[in-house]
Amino acid sequence: MVVKGIIIDSNDSLLNAISIVNELNIGRLLVMKKGKLVGIVSDRDLRRAAPSNATALEKHEIMYLIDKVEIKDIMTPNPVTVRQNDTVANVAKIMYENKISGVPVVDQGQDV
């Protein structure tokens, strides 16, 4: 399988995902398990899962907690995908109908 997006394993931590998103300044990560696309996680999902800045926890406690949260627990499973040969109009329609802001593009023969 060829994956050309930024990926993260479903068992990776929230802490690792936040680090990747911040370092690369991107809005979403493709979630893989055993070479198969199983989900998608957005920067919004990551912010929602992270502790609030208003918490009474100390920094090391926060870091410990977000390192224990796994991506599979906060991702959107079975993401809507499009094929390489889909038209822009068709992709726009799919995104509009599903109320989403992005979709992974998969190879023709890829099992999603």
C-alpha atoms as a PDB file:
ATOM      1  CA  MET A   1       0.000   0.000   0.000  1.00  0.00           C
ATOM      2  CA  VAL A   2       1.234   3.511  -0.794  1.00  0.00           C
ATOM      3  CA  VAL A   3       0.409   6.146   1.801  1.00  0.00           C
ATOM      4  CA  LYS A   4       1.430   9.697   1.002  1.00  0.00           C
ATOM      5  CA  GLY A   5      -0.115  11.501   3.969  1.00  0.00           C
ATOM      6  CA  ILE A   6       1.312  12.007   7.415  1.00  0.00           C
ATOM      7  CA  ILE A   7       0.449   8.874   9.337  1.00  0.00           C
ATOM      8  CA  ILE A   8       0.312   7.735  12.925  1.00  0.00           C
ATOM      9  CA  ASP A   9      -0.282   4.289  14.371  1.00  0.00           C
ATOM     10  CA  SER A  10      -3.598   3.694  16.127  1.00  0.00           C
ATOM     11  CA  ASN A  11      -1.720   2.767  19.319  1.00  0.00           C
ATOM     12  CA  ASP A  12       0.383   5.936  19.340  1.00  0.00           C
ATOM     13  CA  SER A  13      -0.193   8.471  22.070  1.00  0.00           C
ATOM     14  CA  LEU A  14      -2.043  11.768  22.056  1.00  0.00           C
ATOM     15  CA  LEU A  15       1.250  13.367  23.092  1.00  0.00           C
ATOM     16  CA  ASN A  16       3.013  12.048  19.975  1.00  0.00           C
ATOM     17  CA  ALA A  17       0.158  13.153  17.709  1.00  0.00           C
ATOM     18  CA  ILE A  18       0.146  16.666  19.174  1.00  0.00           C
ATOM     19  CA  SER A  19       3.901  16.837  18.677  1.00  0.00           C
ATOM     20  CA  ILE A  20       3.639  15.788  14.994  1.00  0.00           C
ATOM     21  CA  VAL A  21       0.777  18.172  14.220  1.00  0.00           C
ATOM     22  CA  ASN A  22       2.539  21.103  15.880  1.00  0.00           C
ATOM     23  CA  GLU A  23       5.947  20.357  14.365  1.00  0.00           C
ATOM     24  CA  LEU A  24       4.611  19.994  10.816  1.00  0.00           C
ATOM     25  CA  ASN A  25       1.842  22.602  11.177  1.00  0.00           C
ATOM     26  CA  ILE A  26      -0.798  20.272   9.699  1.00  0.00           C
ATOM     27  CA  GLY A  27      -4.489  19.807  10.380  1.00  0.00           C
ATOM     28  CA  ARG A  28      -4.952  16.038  10.362  1.00  0.00           C
ATOM     29  CA  LEU A  29      -3.209  12.699  10.584  1.00  0.00           C
ATOM     30  CA  LEU A  30      -4.101   9.438   8.874  1.00  0.00           C
ATOM     31  CA  VAL A  31      -4.404   6.628  11.432  1.00  0.00           C
ATOM     32  CA  MET A  32      -3.012   3.260  10.383  1.00  0.00           C
ATOM     33  CA  LYS A  33      -3.143  -0.208  11.931  1.00  0.00           C
ATOM     34  CA  LYS A  34      -1.120  -3.042  10.416  1.00  0.00           C
ATOM     35  CA  GLY A  35      -0.747  -1.135   7.146  1.00  0.00           C
ATOM     36  CA  LYS A  36      -4.447  -0.376   6.787  1.00  0.00           C
ATOM     37  CA  LEU A  37      -6.148   3.021   7.032  1.00  0.00           C
ATOM     38  CA  VAL A  38      -8.465   2.759  10.042  1.00  0.00           C
ATOM     39  CA  GLY A  39      -9.162   6.360  10.955  1.00  0.00           C
ATOM     40  CA  ILE A  40      -8.361  10.025  10.801  1.00  0.00           C
ATOM     41  CA  VAL A  41      -7.606  12.453  13.606  1.00  0.00           C
ATOM     42  CA  SER A  42      -7.777  16.233  13.256  1.00  0.00           C
ATOM     43  CA  ASP A  43      -6.052  18.962  15.196  1.00  0.00           C
ATOM     44  CA  ARG A  44      -9.507  19.739  16.615  1.00  0.00           C
ATOM     45  CA  ASP A  45      -9.828  16.146  17.902  1.00  0.00           C
ATOM     46  CA  LEU A  46      -6.427  16.486  19.561  1.00  0.00           C
ATOM     47  CA  ARG A  47      -7.311  19.789  21.241  1.00  0.00           C
ATOM     48  CA  ARG A  48     -10.615  18.363  22.455  1.00  0.00           C
ATOM     49  CA  ALA A  49      -8.871  15.332  24.014  1.00  0.00           C
ATOM     50  CA  ALA A  50      -6.098  17.346  25.678  1.00  0.00           C
ATOM     51  CA  PRO A  51      -6.551  18.799  29.171  1.00  0.00           C
ATOM     52  CA  SER A  52      -7.729  22.395  29.418  1.00  0.00           C
ATOM     53  CA  ASN A  53      -5.231  25.151  30.194  1.00  0.00           C
ATOM     54  CA  ALA A  54      -7.420  25.908  33.201  1.00  0.00           C
ATOM     55  CA  THR A  55      -6.546  22.605  34.862  1.00  0.00           C
ATOM     56  CA  ALA A  56      -5.073  22.455  38.345  1.00  0.00           C
ATOM     57  CA  LEU A  57      -2.723  19.659  37.278  1.00  0.00           C
ATOM     58  CA  GLU A  58       0.998  20.251  37.147  1.00  0.00           C
ATOM     59  CA  LYS A  59       2.818  20.092  33.823  1.00  0.00           C
ATOM     60  CA  HIS A  60       4.371  16.667  34.465  1.00  0.00           C
ATOM     61  CA  GLU A  61       0.941  15.283  35.408  1.00  0.00           C
ATOM     62  CA  ILE A  62      -0.563  16.646  32.184  1.00  0.00           C
ATOM     63  CA  MET A  63       2.262  15.184  30.105  1.00  0.00           C
ATOM     64  CA  TYR A  64       1.807  11.807  31.805  1.00  0.00           C
ATOM     65  CA  LEU A  65      -1.933  11.802  31.099  1.00  0.00           C
ATOM     66  CA  ILE A  66      -1.728  12.780  27.435  1.00  0.00           C
ATOM     67  CA  ASP A  67       0.977  10.194  26.903  1.00  0.00           C
ATOM     68  CA  LYS A  68      -1.488   7.498  28.098  1.00  0.00           C
ATOM     69  CA  VAL A  69      -4.355   8.446  25.743  1.00  0.00           C
ATOM     70  CA  GLU A  70      -4.185   6.388  22.544  1.00  0.00           C
ATOM     71  CA  ILE A  71      -5.131   7.753  19.135  1.00  0.00           C
ATOM     72  CA  LYS A  72      -7.554   4.875  18.522  1.00  0.00           C
ATOM     73  CA  ASP A  73      -9.659   6.268  21.387  1.00  0.00           C
ATOM     74  CA  ILE A  74     -10.088   9.730  19.857  1.00  0.00           C
ATOM     75  CA  MET A  75      -9.887   9.163  16.080  1.00  0.00           C
ATOM     76  CA  THR A  76     -12.779   9.151  13.663  1.00  0.00           C
ATOM     77  CA  PRO A  77     -12.909   5.514  12.525  1.00  0.00           C
ATOM     78  CA  ASN A  78     -13.565   4.392   8.953  1.00  0.00           C
ATOM     79  CA  PRO A  79     -12.899   7.765   7.330  1.00  0.00           C
ATOM     80  CA  VAL A  80     -14.607   8.817   4.142  1.00  0.00           C
ATOM     81  CA  THR A  81     -12.089   8.392   1.316  1.00  0.00           C
ATOM     82  CA  VAL A  82     -11.894   9.259  -2.359  1.00  0.00           C
ATOM     83  CA  ARG A  83     -10.040   7.621  -5.242  1.00  0.00           C
ATOM     84  CA  GLN A  84      -7.225   9.140  -7.271  1.00  0.00           C
ATOM     85  CA  ASN A  85      -9.369   9.515 -10.358  1.00  0.00           C
ATOM     86  CA  ASP A  86     -12.369  11.187  -8.655  1.00  0.00           C
ATOM     87  CA  THR A  87     -13.192  14.600 -10.052  1.00  0.00           C
ATOM     88  CA  VAL A  88     -12.833  17.730  -7.952  1.00  0.00           C
ATOM     89  CA  ALA A  89     -16.589  18.256  -8.249  1.00  0.00           C
ATOM     90  CA  ASN A  90     -17.300  14.756  -6.940  1.00  0.00           C
ATOM     91  CA  VAL A  91     -14.854  15.177  -4.037  1.00  0.00           C
ATOM     92  CA  ALA A  92     -16.417  18.556  -3.156  1.00  0.00           C
ATOM     93  CA  LYS A  93     -19.869  16.935  -3.185  1.00  0.00           C
ATOM     94  CA  ILE A  94     -18.681  14.084  -0.929  1.00  0.00           C
ATOM     95  CA  MET A  95     -17.113  16.541   1.519  1.00  0.00           C
ATOM     96  CA  TYR A  96     -20.234  18.727   1.538  1.00  0.00           C
ATOM     97  CA  GLU A  97     -22.609  15.806   2.046  1.00  0.00           C
ATOM     98  CA  ASN A  98     -20.494  14.410   4.888  1.00  0.00           C
ATOM     99  CA  LYS A  99     -19.802  17.838   6.440  1.00  0.00           C
ATOM    100  CA  ILE A 100     -16.035  17.256   6.457  1.00  0.00           C
ATOM    101  CA  SER A 101     -13.121  19.502   5.538  1.00  0.00           C
ATOM    102  CA  GLY A 102     -10.762  16.919   4.074  1.00  0.00           C
ATOM    103  CA  VAL A 103     -10.573  13.375   2.768  1.00  0.00           C
ATOM    104  CA  PRO A 104      -7.741  10.907   2.265  1.00  0.00           C
ATOM    105  CA  VAL A 105      -7.067   9.970  -1.354  1.00  0.00           C
ATOM    106  CA  VAL A 106      -6.464   6.249  -1.713  1.00  0.00           C
ATOM    107  CA  ASP A 107      -5.023   4.128  -4.521  1.00  0.00           C
ATOM    108  CA  GLN A 108      -7.452   2.312  -6.802  1.00  0.00           C
ATOM    109  CA  GLY A 109      -6.576  -1.118  -5.431  1.00  0.00           C
ATOM    110  CA  GLN A 110      -6.204  -0.101  -1.801  1.00  0.00           C
ATOM    111  CA  ASP A 111      -8.325  -1.879   0.772  1.00  0.00           C
ATOM    112  CA  VAL A 112      -9.575   0.763   3.197  1.00  0.00           C
END
